[in-house]
Amino acid sequence: MTLRPTSSEFTRAILSAYQQASDAHTVEDAIIYHSELIDFFAAEVMTVRASSHHEEKKAAMIREITARAEYHRDMVDLLTDIAETNQQPI
């Protein structure tokens, strides 16, 4: 990927991380891919903040992105707990 990915490259990278997270064979791999997604969402928030959209639309978009990031943060927390206690995921 280039230093300045196009939106299609960025979208492909996000979709790839989603696929890898859902297909992960180990808890540790799933943690890595969910963490990658959180990083992508942080970059997406920065892009929205720098955009020329109206402030209300920006706020709505950021709320939506943040909700997705929170889901993946919760997954990382859950998976980390599982890894630390050697539990079997359900």
PDB file of N, CA and C in Angstrom:
ATOM      1  N   MET A   1       0.839  -1.176   0.000  1.00  0.00           N
ATOM      2  CA  MET A   1       0.000   0.000   0.000  1.00  0.00           C
ATOM      3  C   MET A   1       0.886   1.241   0.000  1.00  0.00           C
ATOM      4  N   THR A   2       0.434   2.275  -0.664  1.00  0.00           N
ATOM      5  CA  THR A   2       1.186   3.521  -0.732  1.00  0.00           C
ATOM      6  C   THR A   2       1.091   4.267   0.597  1.00  0.00           C
ATOM      7  N   LEU A   3       1.898   5.313   0.749  1.00  0.00           N
ATOM      8  CA  LEU A   3       1.825   6.117   1.956  1.00  0.00           C
ATOM      9  C   LEU A   3       0.504   6.857   2.074  1.00  0.00           C
ATOM     10  N   ARG A   4      -0.094   7.163   0.951  1.00  0.00           N
ATOM     11  CA  ARG A   4      -1.404   7.814   0.935  1.00  0.00           C
ATOM     12  C   ARG A   4      -2.374   6.900   0.197  1.00  0.00           C
ATOM     13  N   PRO A   5      -2.973   5.961   0.919  1.00  0.00           N
ATOM     14  CA  PRO A   5      -3.850   5.007   0.238  1.00  0.00           C
ATOM     15  C   PRO A   5      -5.088   5.681  -0.329  1.00  0.00           C
ATOM     16  N   THR A   6      -5.522   5.191  -1.473  1.00  0.00           N
ATOM     17  CA  THR A   6      -6.778   5.678  -2.027  1.00  0.00           C
ATOM     18  C   THR A   6      -7.907   5.088  -1.206  1.00  0.00           C
ATOM     19  N   SER A   7      -9.092   5.614  -1.367  1.00  0.00           N
ATOM     20  CA  SER A   7     -10.215   5.100  -0.597  1.00  0.00           C
ATOM     21  C   SER A   7     -10.478   3.634  -0.928  1.00  0.00           C
ATOM     22  N   SER A   8     -10.245   3.215  -2.171  1.00  0.00           N
ATOM     23  CA  SER A   8     -10.468   1.806  -2.512  1.00  0.00           C
ATOM     24  C   SER A   8      -9.419   0.909  -1.863  1.00  0.00           C
ATOM     25  N   GLU A   9      -8.167   1.367  -1.780  1.00  0.00           N
ATOM     26  CA  GLU A   9      -7.130   0.594  -1.089  1.00  0.00           C
ATOM     27  C   GLU A   9      -7.447   0.490   0.397  1.00  0.00           C
ATOM     28  N   PHE A  10      -7.900   1.591   0.967  1.00  0.00           N
ATOM     29  CA  PHE A  10      -8.260   1.629   2.382  1.00  0.00           C
ATOM     30  C   PHE A  10      -9.426   0.675   2.643  1.00  0.00           C
ATOM     31  N   THR A  11     -10.421   0.704   1.777  1.00  0.00           N
ATOM     32  CA  THR A  11     -11.581  -0.177   1.919  1.00  0.00           C
ATOM     33  C   THR A  11     -11.163  -1.635   1.806  1.00  0.00           C
ATOM     34  N   ARG A  12     -10.300  -1.959   0.857  1.00  0.00           N
ATOM     35  CA  ARG A  12      -9.815  -3.340   0.715  1.00  0.00           C
ATOM     36  C   ARG A  12      -9.060  -3.778   1.960  1.00  0.00           C
ATOM     37  N   ALA A  13      -8.261  -2.893   2.521  1.00  0.00           N
ATOM     38  CA  ALA A  13      -7.499  -3.226   3.729  1.00  0.00           C
ATOM     39  C   ALA A  13      -8.436  -3.486   4.907  1.00  0.00           C
ATOM     40  N   ILE A  14      -9.474  -2.672   5.042  1.00  0.00           N
ATOM     41  CA  ILE A  14     -10.451  -2.871   6.118  1.00  0.00           C
ATOM     42  C   ILE A  14     -11.184  -4.187   5.924  1.00  0.00           C
ATOM     43  N   LEU A  15     -11.640  -4.449   4.716  1.00  0.00           N
ATOM     44  CA  LEU A  15     -12.347  -5.707   4.452  1.00  0.00           C
ATOM     45  C   LEU A  15     -11.455  -6.914   4.702  1.00  0.00           C
ATOM     46  N   SER A  16     -10.199  -6.797   4.352  1.00  0.00           N
ATOM     47  CA  SER A  16      -9.248  -7.876   4.602  1.00  0.00           C
ATOM     48  C   SER A  16      -9.085  -8.110   6.107  1.00  0.00           C
ATOM     49  N   ALA A  17      -8.983  -7.037   6.879  1.00  0.00           N
ATOM     50  CA  ALA A  17      -8.845  -7.174   8.336  1.00  0.00           C
ATOM     51  C   ALA A  17     -10.099  -7.800   8.941  1.00  0.00           C
ATOM     52  N   TYR A  18     -11.289  -7.410   8.452  1.00  0.00           N
ATOM     53  CA  TYR A  18     -12.534  -8.032   8.917  1.00  0.00           C
ATOM     54  C   TYR A  18     -12.518  -9.527   8.623  1.00  0.00           C
ATOM     55  N   GLN A  19     -12.129  -9.887   7.414  1.00  0.00           N
ATOM     56  CA  GLN A  19     -12.096 -11.292   7.020  1.00  0.00           C
ATOM     57  C   GLN A  19     -11.105 -12.064   7.884  1.00  0.00           C
ATOM     58  N   GLN A  20      -9.931 -11.505   8.088  1.00  0.00           N
ATOM     59  CA  GLN A  20      -8.915 -12.169   8.893  1.00  0.00           C
ATOM     60  C   GLN A  20      -9.364 -12.304  10.343  1.00  0.00           C
ATOM     61  N   ALA A  21     -10.044 -11.298  10.863  1.00  0.00           N
ATOM     62  CA  ALA A  21     -10.540 -11.365  12.245  1.00  0.00           C
ATOM     63  C   ALA A  21     -11.571 -12.476  12.385  1.00  0.00           C
ATOM     64  N   SER A  22     -12.447 -12.600  11.405  1.00  0.00           N
ATOM     65  CA  SER A  22     -13.487 -13.633  11.497  1.00  0.00           C
ATOM     66  C   SER A  22     -12.937 -15.027  11.211  1.00  0.00           C
ATOM     67  N   ASP A  23     -11.842 -15.128  10.474  1.00  0.00           N
ATOM     68  CA  ASP A  23     -11.244 -16.428  10.141  1.00  0.00           C
ATOM     69  C   ASP A  23     -10.051 -16.796  11.018  1.00  0.00           C
ATOM     70  N   ALA A  24      -9.753 -15.973  12.015  1.00  0.00           N
ATOM     71  CA  ALA A  24      -8.555 -16.204  12.838  1.00  0.00           C
ATOM     72  C   ALA A  24      -8.591 -17.591  13.467  1.00  0.00           C
ATOM     73  N   HIS A  25      -7.436 -18.254  13.444  1.00  0.00           N
ATOM     74  CA  HIS A  25      -7.342 -19.610  13.998  1.00  0.00           C
ATOM     75  C   HIS A  25      -6.947 -19.609  15.467  1.00  0.00           C
ATOM     76  N   THR A  26      -6.405 -18.508  15.937  1.00  0.00           N
ATOM     77  CA  THR A  26      -6.033 -18.422  17.347  1.00  0.00           C
ATOM     78  C   THR A  26      -6.612 -17.144  17.944  1.00  0.00           C
ATOM     79  N   VAL A  27      -6.750 -17.152  19.254  1.00  0.00           N
ATOM     80  CA  VAL A  27      -7.234 -15.961  19.960  1.00  0.00           C
ATOM     81  C   VAL A  27      -6.259 -14.810  19.743  1.00  0.00           C
ATOM     82  N   GLU A  28      -4.988 -15.112  19.777  1.00  0.00           N
ATOM     83  CA  GLU A  28      -3.973 -14.072  19.605  1.00  0.00           C
ATOM     84  C   GLU A  28      -4.077 -13.416  18.232  1.00  0.00           C
ATOM     85  N   ASP A  29      -4.314 -14.227  17.188  1.00  0.00           N
ATOM     86  CA  ASP A  29      -4.489 -13.663  15.843  1.00  0.00           C
ATOM     87  C   ASP A  29      -5.725 -12.772  15.787  1.00  0.00           C
ATOM     88  N   ALA A  30      -6.799 -13.213  16.404  1.00  0.00           N
ATOM     89  CA  ALA A  30      -8.034 -12.410  16.415  1.00  0.00           C
ATOM     90  C   ALA A  30      -7.791 -11.073  17.103  1.00  0.00           C
ATOM     91  N   ILE A  31      -7.030 -11.084  18.191  1.00  0.00           N
ATOM     92  CA  ILE A  31      -6.706  -9.834  18.889  1.00  0.00           C
ATOM     93  C   ILE A  31      -5.962  -8.888  17.949  1.00  0.00           C
ATOM     94  N   ILE A  32      -5.005  -9.415  17.217  1.00  0.00           N
ATOM     95  CA  ILE A  32      -4.223  -8.597  16.280  1.00  0.00           C
ATOM     96  C   ILE A  32      -5.128  -7.965  15.222  1.00  0.00           C
ATOM     97  N   TYR A  33      -6.012  -8.766  14.621  1.00  0.00           N
ATOM     98  CA  TYR A  33      -6.854  -8.248  13.540  1.00  0.00           C
ATOM     99  C   TYR A  33      -7.903  -7.268  14.046  1.00  0.00           C
ATOM    100  N   HIS A  34      -8.473  -7.522  15.221  1.00  0.00           N
ATOM    101  CA  HIS A  34      -9.430  -6.564  15.784  1.00  0.00           C
ATOM    102  C   HIS A  34      -8.712  -5.260  16.147  1.00  0.00           C
ATOM    103  N   SER A  35      -7.477  -5.360  16.615  1.00  0.00           N
ATOM    104  CA  SER A  35      -6.692  -4.162  16.911  1.00  0.00           C
ATOM    105  C   SER A  35      -6.392  -3.374  15.638  1.00  0.00           C
ATOM    106  N   GLU A  36      -6.119  -4.091  14.550  1.00  0.00           N
ATOM    107  CA  GLU A  36      -5.908  -3.430  13.249  1.00  0.00           C
ATOM    108  C   GLU A  36      -7.139  -2.637  12.847  1.00  0.00           C
ATOM    109  N   LEU A  37      -8.304  -3.240  13.055  1.00  0.00           N
ATOM    110  CA  LEU A  37      -9.540  -2.552  12.703  1.00  0.00           C
ATOM    111  C   LEU A  37      -9.709  -1.277  13.522  1.00  0.00           C
ATOM    112  N   ILE A  38      -9.371  -1.332  14.788  1.00  0.00           N
ATOM    113  CA  ILE A  38      -9.449  -0.130  15.630  1.00  0.00           C
ATOM    114  C   ILE A  38      -8.548   0.958  15.056  1.00  0.00           C
ATOM    115  N   ASP A  39      -7.356   0.581  14.600  1.00  0.00           N
ATOM    116  CA  ASP A  39      -6.449   1.556  13.984  1.00  0.00           C
ATOM    117  C   ASP A  39      -7.052   2.152  12.709  1.00  0.00           C
ATOM    118  N   PHE A  40      -7.693   1.309  11.902  1.00  0.00           N
ATOM    119  CA  PHE A  40      -8.343   1.799  10.691  1.00  0.00           C
ATOM    120  C   PHE A  40      -9.443   2.803  11.033  1.00  0.00           C
ATOM    121  N   PHE A  41     -10.217   2.501  12.075  1.00  0.00           N
ATOM    122  CA  PHE A  41     -11.291   3.415  12.461  1.00  0.00           C
ATOM    123  C   PHE A  41     -10.738   4.739  12.968  1.00  0.00           C
ATOM    124  N   ALA A  42      -9.604   4.708  13.658  1.00  0.00           N
ATOM    125  CA  ALA A  42      -8.977   5.954  14.109  1.00  0.00           C
ATOM    126  C   ALA A  42      -8.572   6.803  12.901  1.00  0.00           C
ATOM    127  N   ALA A  43      -8.020   6.155  11.892  1.00  0.00           N
ATOM    128  CA  ALA A  43      -7.649   6.876  10.667  1.00  0.00           C
ATOM    129  C   ALA A  43      -8.894   7.413   9.972  1.00  0.00           C
ATOM    130  N   GLU A  44      -9.969   6.635   9.988  1.00  0.00           N
ATOM    131  CA  GLU A  44     -11.209   7.073   9.357  1.00  0.00           C
ATOM    132  C   GLU A  44     -11.771   8.309  10.071  1.00  0.00           C
ATOM    133  N   VAL A  45     -11.699   8.331  11.395  1.00  0.00           N
ATOM    134  CA  VAL A  45     -12.164   9.498  12.152  1.00  0.00           C
ATOM    135  C   VAL A  45     -11.347  10.726  11.773  1.00  0.00           C
ATOM    136  N   MET A  46     -10.036  10.580  11.656  1.00  0.00           N
ATOM    137  CA  MET A  46      -9.193  11.716  11.271  1.00  0.00           C
ATOM    138  C   MET A  46      -9.564  12.228   9.884  1.00  0.00           C
ATOM    139  N   THR A  47      -9.874  11.309   8.979  1.00  0.00           N
ATOM    140  CA  THR A  47     -10.270  11.695   7.618  1.00  0.00           C
ATOM    141  C   THR A  47     -11.578  12.474   7.650  1.00  0.00           C
ATOM    142  N   VAL A  48     -12.529  12.001   8.441  1.00  0.00           N
ATOM    143  CA  VAL A  48     -13.819  12.689   8.542  1.00  0.00           C
ATOM    144  C   VAL A  48     -13.627  14.075   9.146  1.00  0.00           C
ATOM    145  N   ARG A  49     -12.830  14.162  10.184  1.00  0.00           N
ATOM    146  CA  ARG A  49     -12.595  15.472  10.823  1.00  0.00           C
ATOM    147  C   ARG A  49     -11.984  16.478   9.840  1.00  0.00           C
ATOM    148  N   ALA A  50     -11.170  15.997   8.927  1.00  0.00           N
ATOM    149  CA  ALA A  50     -10.510  16.884   7.959  1.00  0.00           C
ATOM    150  C   ALA A  50     -11.370  17.147   6.727  1.00  0.00           C
ATOM    151  N   SER A  51     -12.498  16.486   6.636  1.00  0.00           N
ATOM    152  CA  SER A  51     -13.340  16.630   5.452  1.00  0.00           C
ATOM    153  C   SER A  51     -14.081  17.965   5.445  1.00  0.00           C
ATOM    154  N   SER A  52     -14.707  18.241   4.317  1.00  0.00           N
ATOM    155  CA  SER A  52     -15.428  19.506   4.164  1.00  0.00           C
ATOM    156  C   SER A  52     -16.926  19.360   4.438  1.00  0.00           C
ATOM    157  N   HIS A  53     -17.343  18.247   5.005  1.00  0.00           N
ATOM    158  CA  HIS A  53     -18.758  18.049   5.329  1.00  0.00           C
ATOM    159  C   HIS A  53     -19.202  19.034   6.405  1.00  0.00           C
ATOM    160  N   HIS A  54     -20.506  19.230   6.489  1.00  0.00           N
ATOM    161  CA  HIS A  54     -21.068  20.068   7.557  1.00  0.00           C
ATOM    162  C   HIS A  54     -20.751  19.426   8.903  1.00  0.00           C
ATOM    163  N   GLU A  55     -20.638  20.256   9.930  1.00  0.00           N
ATOM    164  CA  GLU A  55     -20.256  19.765  11.259  1.00  0.00           C
ATOM    165  C   GLU A  55     -21.239  18.724  11.794  1.00  0.00           C
ATOM    166  N   GLU A  56     -22.531  18.900  11.523  1.00  0.00           N
ATOM    167  CA  GLU A  56     -23.529  17.930  11.993  1.00  0.00           C
ATOM    168  C   GLU A  56     -23.302  16.568  11.339  1.00  0.00           C
ATOM    169  N   LYS A  57     -23.020  16.574  10.044  1.00  0.00           N
ATOM    170  CA  LYS A  57     -22.774  15.321   9.341  1.00  0.00           C
ATOM    171  C   LYS A  57     -21.488  14.677   9.843  1.00  0.00           C
ATOM    172  N   LYS A  58     -20.458  15.492  10.060  1.00  0.00           N
ATOM    173  CA  LYS A  58     -19.200  14.961  10.601  1.00  0.00           C
ATOM    174  C   LYS A  58     -19.451  14.289  11.949  1.00  0.00           C
ATOM    175  N   ALA A  59     -20.205  14.962  12.807  1.00  0.00           N
ATOM    176  CA  ALA A  59     -20.477  14.420  14.144  1.00  0.00           C
ATOM    177  C   ALA A  59     -21.212  13.080  14.050  1.00  0.00           C
ATOM    178  N   ALA A  60     -22.179  12.989  13.147  1.00  0.00           N
ATOM    179  CA  ALA A  60     -22.925  11.741  12.973  1.00  0.00           C
ATOM    180  C   ALA A  60     -22.008  10.630  12.453  1.00  0.00           C
ATOM    181  N   MET A  61     -21.166  10.967  11.501  1.00  0.00           N
ATOM    182  CA  MET A  61     -20.237   9.976  10.945  1.00  0.00           C
ATOM    183  C   MET A  61     -19.251   9.500  12.013  1.00  0.00           C
ATOM    184  N   ILE A  62     -18.751  10.432  12.806  1.00  0.00           N
ATOM    185  CA  ILE A  62     -17.793  10.079  13.859  1.00  0.00           C
ATOM    186  C   ILE A  62     -18.460   9.206  14.913  1.00  0.00           C
ATOM    187  N   ARG A  63     -19.719   9.489  15.256  1.00  0.00           N
ATOM    188  CA  ARG A  63     -20.446   8.635  16.210  1.00  0.00           C
ATOM    189  C   ARG A  63     -20.562   7.210  15.685  1.00  0.00           C
ATOM    190  N   GLU A  64     -20.870   7.075  14.409  1.00  0.00           N
ATOM    191  CA  GLU A  64     -21.012   5.752  13.801  1.00  0.00           C
ATOM    192  C   GLU A  64     -19.671   5.009  13.784  1.00  0.00           C
ATOM    193  N   ILE A  65     -18.624   5.685  13.395  1.00  0.00           N
ATOM    194  CA  ILE A  65     -17.300   5.067  13.362  1.00  0.00           C
ATOM    195  C   ILE A  65     -16.865   4.678  14.775  1.00  0.00           C
ATOM    196  N   THR A  66     -17.110   5.553  15.732  1.00  0.00           N
ATOM    197  CA  THR A  66     -16.736   5.285  17.119  1.00  0.00           C
ATOM    198  C   THR A  66     -17.477   4.076  17.665  1.00  0.00           C
ATOM    199  N   ALA A  67     -18.744   3.925  17.297  1.00  0.00           N
ATOM    200  CA  ALA A  67     -19.513   2.759  17.748  1.00  0.00           C
ATOM    201  C   ALA A  67     -18.894   1.467  17.208  1.00  0.00           C
ATOM    202  N   ARG A  68     -18.471   1.491  15.948  1.00  0.00           N
ATOM    203  CA  ARG A  68     -17.807   0.305  15.374  1.00  0.00           C
ATOM    204  C   ARG A  68     -16.482   0.028  16.078  1.00  0.00           C
ATOM    205  N   ALA A  69     -15.733   1.072  16.354  1.00  0.00           N
ATOM    206  CA  ALA A  69     -14.444   0.905  17.035  1.00  0.00           C
ATOM    207  C   ALA A  69     -14.656   0.355  18.450  1.00  0.00           C
ATOM    208  N   GLU A  70     -15.684   0.835  19.143  1.00  0.00           N
ATOM    209  CA  GLU A  70     -15.971   0.341  20.493  1.00  0.00           C
ATOM    210  C   GLU A  70     -16.303  -1.144  20.487  1.00  0.00           C
ATOM    211  N   TYR A  71     -17.019  -1.600  19.478  1.00  0.00           N
ATOM    212  CA  TYR A  71     -17.315  -3.027  19.355  1.00  0.00           C
ATOM    213  C   TYR A  71     -16.010  -3.828  19.280  1.00  0.00           C
ATOM    214  N   HIS A  72     -15.084  -3.363  18.463  1.00  0.00           N
ATOM    215  CA  HIS A  72     -13.826  -4.084  18.286  1.00  0.00           C
ATOM    216  C   HIS A  72     -12.936  -3.964  19.527  1.00  0.00           C
ATOM    217  N   ARG A  73     -13.018  -2.838  20.236  1.00  0.00           N
ATOM    218  CA  ARG A  73     -12.300  -2.719  21.511  1.00  0.00           C
ATOM    219  C   ARG A  73     -12.845  -3.726  22.513  1.00  0.00           C
ATOM    220  N   ASP A  74     -14.182  -3.873  22.537  1.00  0.00           N
ATOM    221  CA  ASP A  74     -14.797  -4.870  23.417  1.00  0.00           C
ATOM    222  C   ASP A  74     -14.339  -6.278  23.048  1.00  0.00           C
ATOM    223  N   MET A  75     -14.217  -6.546  21.751  1.00  0.00           N
ATOM    224  CA  MET A  75     -13.741  -7.862  21.307  1.00  0.00           C
ATOM    225  C   MET A  75     -12.302  -8.088  21.765  1.00  0.00           C
ATOM    226  N   VAL A  76     -11.458  -7.075  21.635  1.00  0.00           N
ATOM    227  CA  VAL A  76     -10.072  -7.202  22.080  1.00  0.00           C
ATOM    228  C   VAL A  76     -10.029  -7.480  23.579  1.00  0.00           C
ATOM    229  N   ASP A  77     -10.843  -6.757  24.357  1.00  0.00           N
ATOM    230  CA  ASP A  77     -10.885  -6.984  25.799  1.00  0.00           C
ATOM    231  C   ASP A  77     -11.326  -8.411  26.121  1.00  0.00           C
ATOM    232  N   LEU A  78     -12.387  -8.869  25.476  1.00  0.00           N
ATOM    233  CA  LEU A  78     -12.894 -10.214  25.697  1.00  0.00           C
ATOM    234  C   LEU A  78     -11.855 -11.268  25.316  1.00  0.00           C
ATOM    235  N   LEU A  79     -11.269 -11.101  24.148  1.00  0.00           N
ATOM    236  CA  LEU A  79     -10.270 -12.061  23.679  1.00  0.00           C
ATOM    237  C   LEU A  79      -9.018 -12.051  24.551  1.00  0.00           C
ATOM    238  N   THR A  80      -8.641 -10.880  25.040  1.00  0.00           N
ATOM    239  CA  THR A  80      -7.490 -10.787  25.932  1.00  0.00           C
ATOM    240  C   THR A  80      -7.769 -11.538  27.234  1.00  0.00           C
ATOM    241  N   ASP A  81      -8.975 -11.361  27.766  1.00  0.00           N
ATOM    242  CA  ASP A  81      -9.362 -12.107  28.970  1.00  0.00           C
ATOM    243  C   ASP A  81      -9.305 -13.604  28.729  1.00  0.00           C
ATOM    244  N   ILE A  82      -9.794 -14.035  27.574  1.00  0.00           N
ATOM    245  CA  ILE A  82      -9.778 -15.459  27.230  1.00  0.00           C
ATOM    246  C   ILE A  82      -8.341 -15.954  27.149  1.00  0.00           C
ATOM    247  N   ALA A  83      -7.478 -15.190  26.493  1.00  0.00           N
ATOM    248  CA  ALA A  83      -6.076 -15.601  26.337  1.00  0.00           C
ATOM    249  C   ALA A  83      -5.369 -15.654  27.691  1.00  0.00           C
ATOM    250  N   GLU A  84      -5.654 -14.703  28.559  1.00  0.00           N
ATOM    251  CA  GLU A  84      -4.976 -14.642  29.851  1.00  0.00           C
ATOM    252  C   GLU A  84      -5.419 -15.752  30.800  1.00  0.00           C
ATOM    253  N   THR A  85      -6.657 -16.218  30.655  1.00  0.00           N
ATOM    254  CA  THR A  85      -7.175 -17.250  31.564  1.00  0.00           C
ATOM    255  C   THR A  85      -7.201 -18.619  30.937  1.00  0.00           C
ATOM    256  N   ASN A  86      -6.725 -18.717  29.696  1.00  0.00           N
ATOM    257  CA  ASN A  86      -6.691 -19.990  28.957  1.00  0.00           C
ATOM    258  C   ASN A  86      -8.079 -20.632  28.817  1.00  0.00           C
ATOM    259  N   GLN A  87      -9.097 -19.795  28.701  1.00  0.00           N
ATOM    260  CA  GLN A  87     -10.456 -20.303  28.491  1.00  0.00           C
ATOM    261  C   GLN A  87     -10.630 -20.694  27.030  1.00  0.00           C
ATOM    262  N   GLN A  88     -11.661 -21.446  26.765  1.00  0.00           N
ATOM    263  CA  GLN A  88     -12.027 -21.781  25.398  1.00  0.00           C
ATOM    264  C   GLN A  88     -13.085 -20.779  24.936  1.00  0.00           C
ATOM    265  N   PRO A  89     -12.882 -20.142  23.787  1.00  0.00           N
ATOM    266  CA  PRO A  89     -13.910 -19.216  23.278  1.00  0.00           C
ATOM    267  C   PRO A  89     -15.184 -19.975  22.928  1.00  0.00           C
ATOM    268  N   ILE A  90     -16.294 -19.301  23.089  1.00  0.00           N
ATOM    269  CA  ILE A  90     -17.602 -19.908  22.774  1.00  0.00           C
ATOM    270  C   ILE A  90     -17.991 -19.560  21.362  1.00  0.00           C
TER     271      ILE A  90
END
